[in-house]
Structures are given as C-alpha cells and as structure tokens.
C-alpha cells in the first residue's frame, strides 16, 4: 500500500475505474453474443453497433477493434436480411 496521499488516491481511483470498465466490457460482450446469435434480429445488431461505437469513443476498446466488430455485424445483417 502506498504511503503518499496522492498515490493512495490513485489506487482508489484506479480501482473504481477498473470496476467500471470491467462492467462495461462485460455488458458489451453480452450484447455482441446476442447480436451474433443465429436468430438475431436487426434491432439487436443495431444496439450492439451503437454500444461498440460508444465504447470506442470512451476508450474502452480500440477504434480499429470497433471498426472490425462493426464490419462483421454489418456483414451478418446483410446476409440475414
């Protein structure tokens, strides 16, 4: 455990951010699983695409990873429609 006050605060702040990021990533993974399911409707794909955009904007995932995920979802939506 750190001795300096600012270092103690950084530990607390990083723990909170880590918990928040873990929760958001888990939510994103769940939405992607629903969107990639065999019987996924276009609403699920649209919701997942929006969440991926938001995650990339917030820095939760890299912008290239977001583009790759969105591309795969778009390809899936055109083949099922």
C-alpha atoms as a PDB file:
ATOM      1  CA  UNK A   1       0.000   0.000   0.000  1.00  0.00           C
ATOM      2  CA  UNK A   2       1.385   3.436  -0.904  1.00  0.00           C
ATOM      3  CA  UNK A   3       2.448   5.933   1.759  1.00  0.00           C
ATOM      4  CA  UNK A   4       1.968   9.155  -0.188  1.00  0.00           C
ATOM      5  CA  UNK A   5      -1.510  10.676  -0.150  1.00  0.00           C
ATOM      6  CA  UNK A   6      -1.734  11.186  -3.913  1.00  0.00           C
ATOM      7  CA  UNK A   7      -0.615   7.617  -4.537  1.00  0.00           C
ATOM      8  CA  UNK A   8      -3.297   6.342  -2.145  1.00  0.00           C
ATOM      9  CA  UNK A   9      -5.895   8.311  -4.064  1.00  0.00           C
ATOM     10  CA  UNK A  10      -4.667   6.938  -7.401  1.00  0.00           C
ATOM     11  CA  UNK A  11      -5.094   3.394  -6.076  1.00  0.00           C
ATOM     12  CA  UNK A  12      -8.707   4.128  -5.094  1.00  0.00           C
ATOM     13  CA  UNK A  13      -9.488   5.927  -8.345  1.00  0.00           C
ATOM     14  CA  UNK A  14      -7.950   3.190 -10.486  1.00  0.00           C
ATOM     15  CA  UNK A  15      -9.900   0.509  -8.592  1.00  0.00           C
ATOM     16  CA  UNK A  16     -13.149   2.362  -9.290  1.00  0.00           C
ATOM     17  CA  UNK A  17     -12.264   2.830 -12.966  1.00  0.00           C
ATOM     18  CA  UNK A  18     -11.255  -0.827 -13.260  1.00  0.00           C
ATOM     19  CA  UNK A  19     -14.595  -1.970 -11.838  1.00  0.00           C
ATOM     20  CA  UNK A  20     -16.493   0.383 -14.156  1.00  0.00           C
ATOM     21  CA  UNK A  21     -14.533  -0.747 -17.231  1.00  0.00           C
ATOM     22  CA  UNK A  22     -14.987  -4.411 -16.333  1.00  0.00           C
ATOM     23  CA  UNK A  23     -18.741  -3.919 -16.056  1.00  0.00           C
ATOM     24  CA  UNK A  24     -18.971  -2.060 -19.362  1.00  0.00           C
ATOM     25  CA  UNK A  25     -16.835  -4.653 -21.202  1.00  0.00           C
ATOM     26  CA  UNK A  26     -18.982  -7.451 -19.826  1.00  0.00           C
ATOM     27  CA  UNK A  27     -22.130  -5.667 -20.980  1.00  0.00           C
ATOM     28  CA  UNK A  28     -20.594  -5.150 -24.418  1.00  0.00           C
ATOM     29  CA  UNK A  29     -19.645  -8.830 -24.719  1.00  0.00           C
ATOM     30  CA  UNK A  30     -23.176  -9.878 -23.783  1.00  0.00           C
ATOM     31  CA  UNK A  31     -24.694  -7.615 -26.434  1.00  0.00           C
ATOM     32  CA  UNK A  32     -22.261  -8.937 -29.040  1.00  0.00           C
ATOM     33  CA  UNK A  33     -23.189 -12.520 -28.191  1.00  0.00           C
ATOM     34  CA  UNK A  34     -26.863 -11.681 -28.624  1.00  0.00           C
ATOM     35  CA  UNK A  35     -26.166  -9.914 -31.932  1.00  0.00           C
ATOM     36  CA  UNK A  36     -24.075 -12.835 -33.231  1.00  0.00           C
ATOM     37  CA  UNK A  37     -26.690 -15.446 -32.328  1.00  0.00           C
ATOM     38  CA  UNK A  38     -28.315 -17.417 -35.132  1.00  0.00           C
ATOM     39  CA  UNK A  39     -31.734 -15.851 -34.601  1.00  0.00           C
ATOM     40  CA  UNK A  40     -30.519 -12.263 -34.013  1.00  0.00           C
ATOM     41  CA  UNK A  41     -32.837  -9.556 -35.267  1.00  0.00           C
ATOM     42  CA  UNK A  42     -31.755  -6.254 -36.769  1.00  0.00           C
ATOM     43  CA  UNK A  43     -32.593  -4.389 -33.547  1.00  0.00           C
ATOM     44  CA  UNK A  44     -30.032  -6.440 -31.595  1.00  0.00           C
ATOM     45  CA  UNK A  45     -27.407  -5.780 -34.253  1.00  0.00           C
ATOM     46  CA  UNK A  46     -28.189  -2.053 -34.252  1.00  0.00           C
ATOM     47  CA  UNK A  47     -27.974  -1.865 -30.452  1.00  0.00           C
ATOM     48  CA  UNK A  48     -24.652  -3.706 -30.441  1.00  0.00           C
ATOM     49  CA  UNK A  49     -23.271  -1.385 -33.126  1.00  0.00           C
ATOM     50  CA  UNK A  50     -24.215   1.681 -31.087  1.00  0.00           C
ATOM     51  CA  UNK A  51     -22.620   0.260 -27.942  1.00  0.00           C
ATOM     52  CA  UNK A  52     -19.430  -0.588 -29.853  1.00  0.00           C
ATOM     53  CA  UNK A  53     -19.239   2.994 -31.137  1.00  0.00           C
ATOM     54  CA  UNK A  54     -19.737   4.342 -27.639  1.00  0.00           C
ATOM     55  CA  UNK A  55     -17.085   2.021 -26.186  1.00  0.00           C
ATOM     56  CA  UNK A  56     -14.561   3.158 -28.800  1.00  0.00           C
ATOM     57  CA  UNK A  57     -15.367   6.808 -28.126  1.00  0.00           C
ATOM     58  CA  UNK A  58     -14.874   6.330 -24.396  1.00  0.00           C
ATOM     59  CA  UNK A  59     -11.590   4.461 -24.931  1.00  0.00           C
ATOM     60  CA  UNK A  60     -12.891   1.164 -23.645  1.00  0.00           C
ATOM     61  CA  UNK A  61     -11.836  -0.607 -26.853  1.00  0.00           C
ATOM     62  CA  UNK A  62      -9.525   0.476 -29.657  1.00  0.00           C
ATOM     63  CA  UNK A  63     -11.096   2.228 -32.639  1.00  0.00           C
ATOM     64  CA  UNK A  64      -9.764  -0.392 -35.072  1.00  0.00           C
ATOM     65  CA  UNK A  65     -11.273  -3.185 -32.984  1.00  0.00           C
ATOM     66  CA  UNK A  66     -14.577  -1.304 -33.010  1.00  0.00           C
ATOM     67  CA  UNK A  67     -14.406  -0.976 -36.797  1.00  0.00           C
ATOM     68  CA  UNK A  68     -13.673  -4.687 -37.155  1.00  0.00           C
ATOM     69  CA  UNK A  69     -16.604  -5.659 -34.916  1.00  0.00           C
ATOM     70  CA  UNK A  70     -18.977  -3.298 -36.719  1.00  0.00           C
ATOM     71  CA  UNK A  71     -17.860  -4.640 -40.087  1.00  0.00           C
ATOM     72  CA  UNK A  72     -18.606  -8.205 -39.024  1.00  0.00           C
ATOM     73  CA  UNK A  73     -22.001  -7.185 -37.654  1.00  0.00           C
ATOM     74  CA  UNK A  74     -22.842  -5.337 -40.877  1.00  0.00           C
ATOM     75  CA  UNK A  75     -21.843  -8.354 -42.943  1.00  0.00           C
ATOM     76  CA  UNK A  76     -24.042 -10.557 -40.771  1.00  0.00           C
ATOM     77  CA  UNK A  77     -27.024  -8.206 -41.060  1.00  0.00           C
ATOM     78  CA  UNK A  78     -26.803  -8.095 -44.884  1.00  0.00           C
ATOM     79  CA  UNK A  79     -26.589 -11.881 -45.197  1.00  0.00           C
ATOM     80  CA  UNK A  80     -29.550 -12.490 -42.862  1.00  0.00           C
ATOM     81  CA  UNK A  81     -31.773  -9.794 -44.297  1.00  0.00           C
END
